[in-house]
């Protein structure tokens, strides 16, 4: 029911600081894995991070196109992250089927019974 996989995930992030760009990229790991894997992910463990691309875009920002020029930066980073995945395969779990009868007491209680 539980299996362990090693996978390489390519993620990217853009931000106003270097730290923000890296943080956004690392935050996208879970989204990327969930779109590719079946089952419920119990744990994602990063093993190795490799920087594929790191860019800094510098531009001049002006108020009303004329006043108060200032330099601004945007950072973009693309990372390859090797991760260890612990996945619970929900499809392989055998659920016991319990049928509930319709009774007056059931209707009064709103169909709530303990599942023991």
PDB file of N, CA and C in Angstrom:
ATOM      1  N   UNK A   1       0.816  -1.200   0.000  1.00  0.00           N
ATOM      2  CA  UNK A   1       0.000   0.000   0.000  1.00  0.00           C
ATOM      3  C   UNK A   1       0.858   1.262   0.000  1.00  0.00           C
ATOM      4  N   UNK A   2       2.004   1.182   0.625  1.00  0.00           N
ATOM      5  CA  UNK A   2       2.889   2.337   0.663  1.00  0.00           C
ATOM      6  C   UNK A   2       4.091   2.048  -0.227  1.00  0.00           C
ATOM      7  N   UNK A   3       4.470   3.045  -1.021  1.00  0.00           N
ATOM      8  CA  UNK A   3       5.646   2.842  -1.865  1.00  0.00           C
ATOM      9  C   UNK A   3       6.520   4.083  -1.827  1.00  0.00           C
ATOM     10  N   UNK A   4       7.784   3.876  -2.119  1.00  0.00           N
ATOM     11  CA  UNK A   4       8.778   4.942  -2.119  1.00  0.00           C
ATOM     12  C   UNK A   4       9.313   5.107  -3.529  1.00  0.00           C
ATOM     13  N   UNK A   5       9.367   6.342  -3.994  1.00  0.00           N
ATOM     14  CA  UNK A   5       9.871   6.649  -5.333  1.00  0.00           C
ATOM     15  C   UNK A   5      10.924   7.744  -5.253  1.00  0.00           C
ATOM     16  N   UNK A   6      11.849   7.715  -6.185  1.00  0.00           N
ATOM     17  CA  UNK A   6      12.773   8.831  -6.368  1.00  0.00           C
ATOM     18  C   UNK A   6      12.428   9.455  -7.704  1.00  0.00           C
ATOM     19  N   UNK A   7      12.323  10.780  -7.716  1.00  0.00           N
ATOM     20  CA  UNK A   7      11.896  11.483  -8.922  1.00  0.00           C
ATOM     21  C   UNK A   7      12.629  12.816  -9.008  1.00  0.00           C
ATOM     22  N   UNK A   8      12.875  13.266 -10.221  1.00  0.00           N
ATOM     23  CA  UNK A   8      13.439  14.593 -10.451  1.00  0.00           C
ATOM     24  C   UNK A   8      12.335  15.498 -10.973  1.00  0.00           C
ATOM     25  N   UNK A   9      12.177  16.644 -10.313  1.00  0.00           N
ATOM     26  CA  UNK A   9      11.117  17.589 -10.655  1.00  0.00           C
ATOM     27  C   UNK A   9      11.765  18.897 -11.085  1.00  0.00           C
ATOM     28  N   UNK A  10      11.319  19.451 -12.210  1.00  0.00           N
ATOM     29  CA  UNK A  10      11.801  20.740 -12.688  1.00  0.00           C
ATOM     30  C   UNK A  10      10.764  21.800 -12.338  1.00  0.00           C
ATOM     31  N   UNK A  11      11.166  22.788 -11.518  1.00  0.00           N
ATOM     32  CA  UNK A  11      10.255  23.842 -11.081  1.00  0.00           C
ATOM     33  C   UNK A  11      10.899  25.204 -11.317  1.00  0.00           C
ATOM     34  N   UNK A  12      10.060  26.232 -11.418  1.00  0.00           N
ATOM     35  CA  UNK A  12      10.594  27.585 -11.591  1.00  0.00           C
ATOM     36  C   UNK A  12       9.827  28.562 -10.717  1.00  0.00           C
ATOM     37  N   UNK A  13      10.495  29.663 -10.400  1.00  0.00           N
ATOM     38  CA  UNK A  13       9.877  30.692  -9.586  1.00  0.00           C
ATOM     39  C   UNK A  13      10.374  32.064  -9.998  1.00  0.00           C
ATOM     40  N   UNK A  14       9.506  33.062  -9.853  1.00  0.00           N
ATOM     41  CA  UNK A  14       9.839  34.455 -10.168  1.00  0.00           C
ATOM     42  C   UNK A  14       9.467  35.300  -8.964  1.00  0.00           C
ATOM     43  N   UNK A  15      10.375  36.210  -8.582  1.00  0.00           N
ATOM     44  CA  UNK A  15      10.091  37.057  -7.432  1.00  0.00           C
ATOM     45  C   UNK A  15      10.894  38.337  -7.451  1.00  0.00           C
ATOM     46  N   UNK A  16      10.601  39.199  -6.482  1.00  0.00           N
ATOM     47  CA  UNK A  16      11.292  40.490  -6.385  1.00  0.00           C
ATOM     48  C   UNK A  16      12.655  40.373  -5.714  1.00  0.00           C
ATOM     49  N   UNK A  17      12.884  39.288  -4.977  1.00  0.00           N
ATOM     50  CA  UNK A  17      14.187  39.023  -4.362  1.00  0.00           C
ATOM     51  C   UNK A  17      14.633  37.621  -4.747  1.00  0.00           C
ATOM     52  N   UNK A  18      15.908  37.334  -4.552  1.00  0.00           N
ATOM     53  CA  UNK A  18      16.435  36.004  -4.863  1.00  0.00           C
ATOM     54  C   UNK A  18      15.753  34.955  -3.985  1.00  0.00           C
ATOM     55  N   UNK A  19      15.621  35.288  -2.703  1.00  0.00           N
ATOM     56  CA  UNK A  19      15.009  34.357  -1.753  1.00  0.00           C
ATOM     57  C   UNK A  19      13.555  34.064  -2.109  1.00  0.00           C
ATOM     58  N   UNK A  20      12.833  35.089  -2.532  1.00  0.00           N
ATOM     59  CA  UNK A  20      11.430  34.917  -2.901  1.00  0.00           C
ATOM     60  C   UNK A  20      11.293  34.029  -4.137  1.00  0.00           C
ATOM     61  N   UNK A  21      12.152  34.213  -5.117  1.00  0.00           N
ATOM     62  CA  UNK A  21      12.104  33.395  -6.339  1.00  0.00           C
ATOM     63  C   UNK A  21      12.389  31.929  -6.016  1.00  0.00           C
ATOM     64  N   UNK A  22      13.379  31.674  -5.179  1.00  0.00           N
ATOM     65  CA  UNK A  22      13.711  30.294  -4.801  1.00  0.00           C
ATOM     66  C   UNK A  22      12.593  29.689  -3.967  1.00  0.00           C
ATOM     67  N   UNK A  23      12.036  30.461  -3.061  1.00  0.00           N
ATOM     68  CA  UNK A  23      10.948  29.985  -2.216  1.00  0.00           C
ATOM     69  C   UNK A  23       9.717  29.608  -3.046  1.00  0.00           C
ATOM     70  N   UNK A  24       9.388  30.424  -4.019  1.00  0.00           N
ATOM     71  CA  UNK A  24       8.248  30.134  -4.888  1.00  0.00           C
ATOM     72  C   UNK A  24       8.512  28.870  -5.707  1.00  0.00           C
ATOM     73  N   UNK A  25       9.739  28.726  -6.194  1.00  0.00           N
ATOM     74  CA  UNK A  25      10.083  27.524  -6.971  1.00  0.00           C
ATOM     75  C   UNK A  25       9.958  26.267  -6.104  1.00  0.00           C
ATOM     76  N   UNK A  26      10.482  26.308  -4.891  1.00  0.00           N
ATOM     77  CA  UNK A  26      10.403  25.146  -4.012  1.00  0.00           C
ATOM     78  C   UNK A  26       8.967  24.871  -3.573  1.00  0.00           C
ATOM     79  N   UNK A  27       8.164  25.909  -3.471  1.00  0.00           N
ATOM     80  CA  UNK A  27       6.755  25.737  -3.127  1.00  0.00           C
ATOM     81  C   UNK A  27       5.956  25.079  -4.240  1.00  0.00           C
ATOM     82  N   UNK A  28       6.455  25.133  -5.460  1.00  0.00           N
ATOM     83  CA  UNK A  28       5.762  24.530  -6.597  1.00  0.00           C
ATOM     84  C   UNK A  28       6.039  23.028  -6.742  1.00  0.00           C
ATOM     85  N   UNK A  29       6.940  22.490  -5.921  1.00  0.00           N
ATOM     86  CA  UNK A  29       7.279  21.065  -6.016  1.00  0.00           C
ATOM     87  C   UNK A  29       6.043  20.206  -5.770  1.00  0.00           C
ATOM     88  N   UNK A  30       5.316  20.499  -4.703  1.00  0.00           N
ATOM     89  CA  UNK A  30       4.148  19.686  -4.358  1.00  0.00           C
ATOM     90  C   UNK A  30       3.078  19.744  -5.446  1.00  0.00           C
ATOM     91  N   UNK A  31       2.819  20.927  -5.989  1.00  0.00           N
ATOM     92  CA  UNK A  31       1.821  21.064  -7.051  1.00  0.00           C
ATOM     93  C   UNK A  31       2.210  20.238  -8.281  1.00  0.00           C
ATOM     94  N   UNK A  32       3.480  20.289  -8.630  1.00  0.00           N
ATOM     95  CA  UNK A  32       3.965  19.559  -9.810  1.00  0.00           C
ATOM     96  C   UNK A  32       3.847  18.050  -9.604  1.00  0.00           C
ATOM     97  N   UNK A  33       4.202  17.578  -8.418  1.00  0.00           N
ATOM     98  CA  UNK A  33       4.149  16.143  -8.138  1.00  0.00           C
ATOM     99  C   UNK A  33       2.702  15.660  -8.095  1.00  0.00           C
ATOM    100  N   UNK A  34       1.813  16.436  -7.484  1.00  0.00           N
ATOM    101  CA  UNK A  34       0.405  16.033  -7.402  1.00  0.00           C
ATOM    102  C   UNK A  34      -0.235  15.926  -8.781  1.00  0.00           C
ATOM    103  N   UNK A  35       0.205  16.745  -9.729  1.00  0.00           N
ATOM    104  CA  UNK A  35      -0.355  16.667 -11.081  1.00  0.00           C
ATOM    105  C   UNK A  35       0.156  15.445 -11.843  1.00  0.00           C
ATOM    106  N   UNK A  36       1.283  14.869 -11.408  1.00  0.00           N
ATOM    107  CA  UNK A  36       1.887  13.747 -12.127  1.00  0.00           C
ATOM    108  C   UNK A  36       1.631  12.393 -11.472  1.00  0.00           C
ATOM    109  N   UNK A  37       1.447  12.348 -10.149  1.00  0.00           N
ATOM    110  CA  UNK A  37       1.354  11.081  -9.422  1.00  0.00           C
ATOM    111  C   UNK A  37      -0.067  10.735  -9.023  1.00  0.00           C
ATOM    112  N   UNK A  38      -0.354   9.453  -8.981  1.00  0.00           N
ATOM    113  CA  UNK A  38      -1.614   8.959  -8.447  1.00  0.00           C
ATOM    114  C   UNK A  38      -1.363   8.542  -6.999  1.00  0.00           C
ATOM    115  N   UNK A  39      -2.385   8.619  -6.187  1.00  0.00           N
ATOM    116  CA  UNK A  39      -2.244   8.225  -4.798  1.00  0.00           C
ATOM    117  C   UNK A  39      -2.108   9.433  -3.895  1.00  0.00           C
ATOM    118  N   UNK A  40      -2.047   9.165  -2.613  1.00  0.00           N
ATOM    119  CA  UNK A  40      -1.928  10.235  -1.627  1.00  0.00           C
ATOM    120  C   UNK A  40      -0.474  10.341  -1.189  1.00  0.00           C
ATOM    121  N   UNK A  41       0.090  11.518  -1.323  1.00  0.00           N
ATOM    122  CA  UNK A  41       1.484  11.715  -0.971  1.00  0.00           C
ATOM    123  C   UNK A  41       1.588  11.950   0.522  1.00  0.00           C
ATOM    124  N   UNK A  42       2.367  11.111   1.189  1.00  0.00           N
ATOM    125  CA  UNK A  42       2.555  11.231   2.626  1.00  0.00           C
ATOM    126  C   UNK A  42       3.689  12.203   2.934  1.00  0.00           C
ATOM    127  N   UNK A  43       4.786  12.064   2.204  1.00  0.00           N
ATOM    128  CA  UNK A  43       5.953  12.909   2.486  1.00  0.00           C
ATOM    129  C   UNK A  43       6.738  13.151   1.206  1.00  0.00           C
ATOM    130  N   UNK A  44       7.243  14.384   1.072  1.00  0.00           N
ATOM    131  CA  UNK A  44       8.135  14.764  -0.027  1.00  0.00           C
ATOM    132  C   UNK A  44       9.440  15.205   0.617  1.00  0.00           C
ATOM    133  N   UNK A  45      10.509  14.523   0.276  1.00  0.00           N
ATOM    134  CA  UNK A  45      11.805  14.780   0.897  1.00  0.00           C
ATOM    135  C   UNK A  45      12.807  15.220  -0.173  1.00  0.00           C
ATOM    136  N   UNK A  46      13.176  16.506  -0.231  1.00  0.00           N
ATOM    137  CA  UNK A  46      14.169  16.940  -1.216  1.00  0.00           C
ATOM    138  C   UNK A  46      15.545  16.351  -0.893  1.00  0.00           C
ATOM    139  N   UNK A  47      16.213  15.811  -1.900  1.00  0.00           N
ATOM    140  CA  UNK A  47      17.526  15.210  -1.703  1.00  0.00           C
ATOM    141  C   UNK A  47      18.643  16.083  -2.259  1.00  0.00           C
ATOM    142  N   UNK A  48      18.399  16.650  -3.443  1.00  0.00           N
ATOM    143  CA  UNK A  48      19.444  17.432  -4.109  1.00  0.00           C
ATOM    144  C   UNK A  48      18.778  18.512  -4.961  1.00  0.00           C
ATOM    145  N   UNK A  49      19.345  19.718  -4.929  1.00  0.00           N
ATOM    146  CA  UNK A  49      18.824  20.825  -5.724  1.00  0.00           C
ATOM    147  C   UNK A  49      19.911  21.278  -6.689  1.00  0.00           C
ATOM    148  N   UNK A  50      19.566  21.332  -7.972  1.00  0.00           N
ATOM    149  CA  UNK A  50      20.505  21.799  -8.992  1.00  0.00           C
ATOM    150  C   UNK A  50      19.895  23.005  -9.693  1.00  0.00           C
ATOM    151  N   UNK A  51      20.661  24.078  -9.783  1.00  0.00           N
ATOM    152  CA  UNK A  51      20.194  25.295 -10.450  1.00  0.00           C
ATOM    153  C   UNK A  51      20.429  25.142 -11.942  1.00  0.00           C
ATOM    154  N   UNK A  52      19.362  25.183 -12.722  1.00  0.00           N
ATOM    155  CA  UNK A  52      19.444  25.077 -14.174  1.00  0.00           C
ATOM    156  C   UNK A  52      19.599  26.459 -14.784  1.00  0.00           C
ATOM    157  N   UNK A  53      18.832  27.409 -14.281  1.00  0.00           N
ATOM    158  CA  UNK A  53      18.854  28.766 -14.831  1.00  0.00           C
ATOM    159  C   UNK A  53      18.565  29.749 -13.697  1.00  0.00           C
ATOM    160  N   UNK A  54      19.349  30.829 -13.663  1.00  0.00           N
ATOM    161  CA  UNK A  54      19.125  31.902 -12.695  1.00  0.00           C
ATOM    162  C   UNK A  54      19.349  33.227 -13.419  1.00  0.00           C
ATOM    163  N   UNK A  55      18.291  34.033 -13.493  1.00  0.00           N
ATOM    164  CA  UNK A  55      18.381  35.305 -14.218  1.00  0.00           C
ATOM    165  C   UNK A  55      17.933  36.457 -13.326  1.00  0.00           C
ATOM    166  N   UNK A  56      18.594  37.602 -13.534  1.00  0.00           N
ATOM    167  CA  UNK A  56      18.206  38.834 -12.861  1.00  0.00           C
ATOM    168  C   UNK A  56      17.846  39.860 -13.935  1.00  0.00           C
ATOM    169  N   UNK A  57      16.617  40.350 -13.898  1.00  0.00           N
ATOM    170  CA  UNK A  57      16.152  41.360 -14.841  1.00  0.00           C
ATOM    171  C   UNK A  57      16.174  42.708 -14.121  1.00  0.00           C
ATOM    172  N   UNK A  58      16.918  43.656 -14.653  1.00  0.00           N
ATOM    173  CA  UNK A  58      17.006  44.992 -14.064  1.00  0.00           C
ATOM    174  C   UNK A  58      16.351  45.985 -15.004  1.00  0.00           C
ATOM    175  N   UNK A  59      15.512  46.846 -14.443  1.00  0.00           N
ATOM    176  CA  UNK A  59      14.832  47.857 -15.249  1.00  0.00           C
ATOM    177  C   UNK A  59      14.671  49.121 -14.417  1.00  0.00           C
ATOM    178  N   UNK A  60      14.426  50.245 -15.108  1.00  0.00           N
ATOM    179  CA  UNK A  60      14.237  51.528 -14.437  1.00  0.00           C
ATOM    180  C   UNK A  60      12.751  51.843 -14.388  1.00  0.00           C
ATOM    181  N   UNK A  61      12.295  52.113 -13.191  1.00  0.00           N
ATOM    182  CA  UNK A  61      10.885  52.431 -12.974  1.00  0.00           C
ATOM    183  C   UNK A  61      10.781  53.933 -12.702  1.00  0.00           C
ATOM    184  N   UNK A  62       9.799  54.598 -13.318  1.00  0.00           N
ATOM    185  CA  UNK A  62       9.621  56.046 -13.135  1.00  0.00           C
ATOM    186  C   UNK A  62       8.178  56.353 -12.783  1.00  0.00           C
ATOM    187  N   UNK A  63       8.009  57.358 -11.926  1.00  0.00           N
ATOM    188  CA  UNK A  63       6.683  57.835 -11.555  1.00  0.00           C
ATOM    189  C   UNK A  63       6.201  58.790 -12.650  1.00  0.00           C
ATOM    190  N   UNK A  64       5.037  58.551 -13.209  1.00  0.00           N
ATOM    191  CA  UNK A  64       4.467  59.328 -14.321  1.00  0.00           C
ATOM    192  C   UNK A  64       5.421  59.416 -15.511  1.00  0.00           C
ATOM    193  N   UNK A  65       6.169  58.358 -15.759  1.00  0.00           N
ATOM    194  CA  UNK A  65       7.084  58.192 -16.890  1.00  0.00           C
ATOM    195  C   UNK A  65       8.234  59.195 -16.913  1.00  0.00           C
ATOM    196  N   UNK A  66       8.326  60.105 -15.944  1.00  0.00           N
ATOM    197  CA  UNK A  66       9.377  61.131 -15.960  1.00  0.00           C
ATOM    198  C   UNK A  66      10.082  61.230 -14.609  1.00  0.00           C
ATOM    199  N   UNK A  67       9.313  61.288 -13.530  1.00  0.00           N
ATOM    200  CA  UNK A  67       9.849  61.621 -12.213  1.00  0.00           C
ATOM    201  C   UNK A  67      10.341  60.392 -11.435  1.00  0.00           C
ATOM    202  N   UNK A  68      11.243  60.660 -10.517  1.00  0.00           N
ATOM    203  CA  UNK A  68      11.740  59.699  -9.530  1.00  0.00           C
ATOM    204  C   UNK A  68      12.168  58.350 -10.128  1.00  0.00           C
ATOM    205  N   UNK A  69      13.186  58.363 -10.982  1.00  0.00           N
ATOM    206  CA  UNK A  69      13.640  57.085 -11.532  1.00  0.00           C
ATOM    207  C   UNK A  69      14.306  56.228 -10.440  1.00  0.00           C
ATOM    208  N   UNK A  70      14.059  54.953 -10.489  1.00  0.00           N
ATOM    209  CA  UNK A  70      14.725  54.027  -9.568  1.00  0.00           C
ATOM    210  C   UNK A  70      14.906  52.674 -10.247  1.00  0.00           C
ATOM    211  N   UNK A  71      15.990  52.007  -9.884  1.00  0.00           N
ATOM    212  CA  UNK A  71      16.307  50.689 -10.448  1.00  0.00           C
ATOM    213  C   UNK A  71      15.521  49.623  -9.689  1.00  0.00           C
ATOM    214  N   UNK A  72      14.930  48.713 -10.452  1.00  0.00           N
ATOM    215  CA  UNK A  72      14.182  47.592  -9.872  1.00  0.00           C
ATOM    216  C   UNK A  72      14.748  46.296 -10.441  1.00  0.00           C
ATOM    217  N   UNK A  73      14.596  45.226  -9.688  1.00  0.00           N
ATOM    218  CA  UNK A  73      15.055  43.918 -10.143  1.00  0.00           C
ATOM    219  C   UNK A  73      13.940  42.888  -9.986  1.00  0.00           C
ATOM    220  N   UNK A  74      13.953  41.939 -10.891  1.00  0.00           N
ATOM    221  CA  UNK A  74      13.117  40.737 -10.810  1.00  0.00           C
ATOM    222  C   UNK A  74      14.059  39.560 -10.998  1.00  0.00           C
ATOM    223  N   UNK A  75      13.793  38.498 -10.266  1.00  0.00           N
ATOM    224  CA  UNK A  75      14.649  37.316 -10.325  1.00  0.00           C
ATOM    225  C   UNK A  75      13.825  36.116 -10.795  1.00  0.00           C
ATOM    226  N   UNK A  76      14.449  35.297 -11.649  1.00  0.00           N
ATOM    227  CA  UNK A  76      13.817  34.070 -12.129  1.00  0.00           C
ATOM    228  C   UNK A  76      14.807  32.932 -11.920  1.00  0.00           C
ATOM    229  N   UNK A  77      14.299  31.832 -11.387  1.00  0.00           N
ATOM    230  CA  UNK A  77      15.165  30.680 -11.146  1.00  0.00           C
ATOM    231  C   UNK A  77      14.437  29.414 -11.605  1.00  0.00           C
ATOM    232  N   UNK A  78      15.198  28.529 -12.254  1.00  0.00           N
ATOM    233  CA  UNK A  78      14.693  27.216 -12.669  1.00  0.00           C
ATOM    234  C   UNK A  78      15.555  26.178 -11.970  1.00  0.00           C
ATOM    235  N   UNK A  79      14.905  25.262 -11.250  1.00  0.00           N
ATOM    236  CA  UNK A  79      15.613  24.272 -10.447  1.00  0.00           C
ATOM    237  C   UNK A  79      15.214  22.859 -10.841  1.00  0.00           C
ATOM    238  N   UNK A  80      16.174  21.952 -10.808  1.00  0.00           N
ATOM    239  CA  UNK A  80      15.904  20.520 -10.867  1.00  0.00           C
ATOM    240  C   UNK A  80      16.095  19.989  -9.458  1.00  0.00           C
ATOM    241  N   UNK A  81      15.035  19.422  -8.887  1.00  0.00           N
ATOM    242  CA  UNK A  81      15.080  18.950  -7.515  1.00  0.00           C
ATOM    243  C   UNK A  81      14.853  17.441  -7.511  1.00  0.00           C
ATOM    244  N   UNK A  82      15.805  16.702  -6.948  1.00  0.00           N
ATOM    245  CA  UNK A  82      15.637  15.265  -6.753  1.00  0.00           C
ATOM    246  C   UNK A  82      14.889  15.077  -5.439  1.00  0.00           C
ATOM    247  N   UNK A  83      13.767  14.367  -5.493  1.00  0.00           N
ATOM    248  CA  UNK A  83      12.948  14.172  -4.291  1.00  0.00           C
ATOM    249  C   UNK A  83      12.708  12.692  -4.051  1.00  0.00           C
ATOM    250  N   UNK A  84      12.534  12.367  -2.791  1.00  0.00           N
ATOM    251  CA  UNK A  84      12.132  11.048  -2.362  1.00  0.00           C
ATOM    252  C   UNK A  84      10.665  11.151  -1.980  1.00  0.00           C
ATOM    253  N   UNK A  85       9.792  10.366  -2.611  1.00  0.00           N
ATOM    254  CA  UNK A  85       8.356  10.431  -2.365  1.00  0.00           C
ATOM    255  C   UNK A  85       7.897   9.203  -1.595  1.00  0.00           C
ATOM    256  N   UNK A  86       7.064   9.427  -0.594  1.00  0.00           N
ATOM    257  CA  UNK A  86       6.407   8.349   0.121  1.00  0.00           C
ATOM    258  C   UNK A  86       4.925   8.463  -0.204  1.00  0.00           C
ATOM    259  N   UNK A  87       4.407   7.471  -0.927  1.00  0.00           N
ATOM    260  CA  UNK A  87       3.045   7.531  -1.463  1.00  0.00           C
ATOM    261  C   UNK A  87       2.207   6.407  -0.869  1.00  0.00           C
ATOM    262  N   UNK A  88       1.001   6.753  -0.450  1.00  0.00           N
ATOM    263  CA  UNK A  88       0.026   5.778   0.008  1.00  0.00           C
ATOM    264  C   UNK A  88      -0.909   5.499  -1.158  1.00  0.00           C
ATOM    265  N   UNK A  89      -0.947   4.258  -1.612  1.00  0.00           N
ATOM    266  CA  UNK A  89      -1.778   3.891  -2.761  1.00  0.00           C
ATOM    267  C   UNK A  89      -3.188   3.592  -2.267  1.00  0.00           C
ATOM    268  N   UNK A  90      -4.061   4.565  -2.409  1.00  0.00           N
ATOM    269  CA  UNK A  90      -5.427   4.473  -1.910  1.00  0.00           C
ATOM    270  C   UNK A  90      -6.220   3.413  -2.675  1.00  0.00           C
ATOM    271  N   UNK A  91      -5.914   3.194  -3.941  1.00  0.00           N
ATOM    272  CA  UNK A  91      -6.642   2.215  -4.750  1.00  0.00           C
ATOM    273  C   UNK A  91      -6.468   0.787  -4.238  1.00  0.00           C
ATOM    274  N   UNK A  92      -5.382   0.519  -3.546  1.00  0.00           N
ATOM    275  CA  UNK A  92      -5.105  -0.835  -3.075  1.00  0.00           C
ATOM    276  C   UNK A  92      -5.673  -1.120  -1.688  1.00  0.00           C
ATOM    277  N   UNK A  93      -6.283  -0.149  -1.053  1.00  0.00           N
ATOM    278  CA  UNK A  93      -6.879  -0.354   0.269  1.00  0.00           C
ATOM    279  C   UNK A  93      -8.252  -0.988   0.077  1.00  0.00           C
ATOM    280  N   UNK A  94      -8.491  -2.088   0.778  1.00  0.00           N
ATOM    281  CA  UNK A  94      -9.766  -2.789   0.711  1.00  0.00           C
ATOM    282  C   UNK A  94     -10.691  -2.240   1.796  1.00  0.00           C
ATOM    283  N   UNK A  95     -11.782  -1.608   1.381  1.00  0.00           N
ATOM    284  CA  UNK A  95     -12.758  -1.072   2.317  1.00  0.00           C
ATOM    285  C   UNK A  95     -13.876  -2.094   2.512  1.00  0.00           C
ATOM    286  N   UNK A  96     -14.292  -2.275   3.754  1.00  0.00           N
ATOM    287  CA  UNK A  96     -15.400  -3.161   4.070  1.00  0.00           C
ATOM    288  C   UNK A  96     -16.695  -2.404   3.840  1.00  0.00           C
ATOM    289  N   UNK A  97     -17.625  -3.011   3.110  1.00  0.00           N
ATOM    290  CA  UNK A  97     -18.888  -2.347   2.821  1.00  0.00           C
ATOM    291  C   UNK A  97     -19.894  -2.689   3.906  1.00  0.00           C
ATOM    292  N   UNK A  98     -20.496  -1.645   4.465  1.00  0.00           N
ATOM    293  CA  UNK A  98     -21.505  -1.805   5.505  1.00  0.00           C
ATOM    294  C   UNK A  98     -22.775  -1.156   4.998  1.00  0.00           C
ATOM    295  N   UNK A  99     -23.881  -1.931   5.000  1.00  0.00           N
ATOM    296  CA  UNK A  99     -25.147  -1.399   4.535  1.00  0.00           C
ATOM    297  C   UNK A  99     -25.975  -0.975   5.734  1.00  0.00           C
ATOM    298  N   UNK A 100     -26.571   0.172   5.612  1.00  0.00           N
ATOM    299  CA  UNK A 100     -27.340   0.739   6.703  1.00  0.00           C
ATOM    300  C   UNK A 100     -28.823   0.642   6.361  1.00  0.00           C
ATOM    301  N   UNK A 101     -29.599   0.144   7.296  1.00  0.00           N
ATOM    302  CA  UNK A 101     -31.029   0.001   7.033  1.00  0.00           C
ATOM    303  C   UNK A 101     -31.755   1.311   7.307  1.00  0.00           C
ATOM    304  N   UNK A 102     -32.871   1.514   6.603  1.00  0.00           N
ATOM    305  CA  UNK A 102     -33.684   2.704   6.832  1.00  0.00           C
ATOM    306  C   UNK A 102     -34.665   2.405   7.955  1.00  0.00           C
ATOM    307  N   UNK A 103     -34.585   3.170   9.010  1.00  0.00           N
ATOM    308  CA  UNK A 103     -35.498   2.993  10.134  1.00  0.00           C
ATOM    309  C   UNK A 103     -35.905   4.357  10.657  1.00  0.00           C
ATOM    310  N   UNK A 104     -36.904   4.366  11.539  1.00  0.00           N
ATOM    311  CA  UNK A 104     -37.387   5.614  12.127  1.00  0.00           C
ATOM    312  C   UNK A 104     -36.295   6.256  12.964  1.00  0.00           C
ATOM    313  N   UNK A 105     -35.588   5.452  13.722  1.00  0.00           N
ATOM    314  CA  UNK A 105     -34.522   5.969  14.586  1.00  0.00           C
ATOM    315  C   UNK A 105     -33.403   6.582  13.730  1.00  0.00           C
ATOM    316  N   UNK A 106     -33.124   5.956  12.595  1.00  0.00           N
ATOM    317  CA  UNK A 106     -32.122   6.472  11.665  1.00  0.00           C
ATOM    318  C   UNK A 106     -32.525   7.840  11.129  1.00  0.00           C
ATOM    319  N   UNK A 107     -33.790   7.987  10.792  1.00  0.00           N
ATOM    320  CA  UNK A 107     -34.296   9.254  10.260  1.00  0.00           C
ATOM    321  C   UNK A 107     -34.212  10.359  11.304  1.00  0.00           C
ATOM    322  N   UNK A 108     -34.522  10.009  12.563  1.00  0.00           N
ATOM    323  CA  UNK A 108     -34.480  10.996  13.644  1.00  0.00           C
ATOM    324  C   UNK A 108     -33.056  11.452  13.908  1.00  0.00           C
ATOM    325  N   UNK A 109     -32.124  10.521  13.911  1.00  0.00           N
ATOM    326  CA  UNK A 109     -30.735  10.846  14.198  1.00  0.00           C
ATOM    327  C   UNK A 109     -30.002  11.428  12.989  1.00  0.00           C
ATOM    328  N   UNK A 110     -30.646  11.459  11.862  1.00  0.00           N
ATOM    329  CA  UNK A 110     -30.019  12.032  10.664  1.00  0.00           C
ATOM    330  C   UNK A 110     -29.075  11.072   9.974  1.00  0.00           C
ATOM    331  N   UNK A 111     -29.263   9.785  10.188  1.00  0.00           N
ATOM    332  CA  UNK A 111     -28.424   8.807   9.491  1.00  0.00           C
ATOM    333  C   UNK A 111     -27.027   8.683  10.055  1.00  0.00           C
ATOM    334  N   UNK A 112     -26.845   9.093  11.317  1.00  0.00           N
ATOM    335  CA  UNK A 112     -25.516   9.030  11.904  1.00  0.00           C
ATOM    336  C   UNK A 112     -25.410   7.827  12.808  1.00  0.00           C
ATOM    337  N   UNK A 113     -24.522   6.924  12.482  1.00  0.00           N
ATOM    338  CA  UNK A 113     -24.200   5.784  13.304  1.00  0.00           C
ATOM    339  C   UNK A 113     -22.693   5.666  13.327  1.00  0.00           C
ATOM    340  N   UNK A 114     -22.198   5.087  14.393  1.00  0.00           N
ATOM    341  CA  UNK A 114     -20.750   4.901  14.447  1.00  0.00           C
ATOM    342  C   UNK A 114     -20.358   3.780  13.504  1.00  0.00           C
ATOM    343  N   UNK A 115     -19.202   3.923  12.902  1.00  0.00           N
ATOM    344  CA  UNK A 115     -18.708   2.927  11.945  1.00  0.00           C
ATOM    345  C   UNK A 115     -17.716   2.014  12.646  1.00  0.00           C
ATOM    346  N   UNK A 116     -18.219   1.109  13.496  1.00  0.00           N
ATOM    347  CA  UNK A 116     -17.343   0.174  14.207  1.00  0.00           C
ATOM    348  C   UNK A 116     -17.366  -1.168  13.584  1.00  0.00           C
TER     349      UNK A 116
END
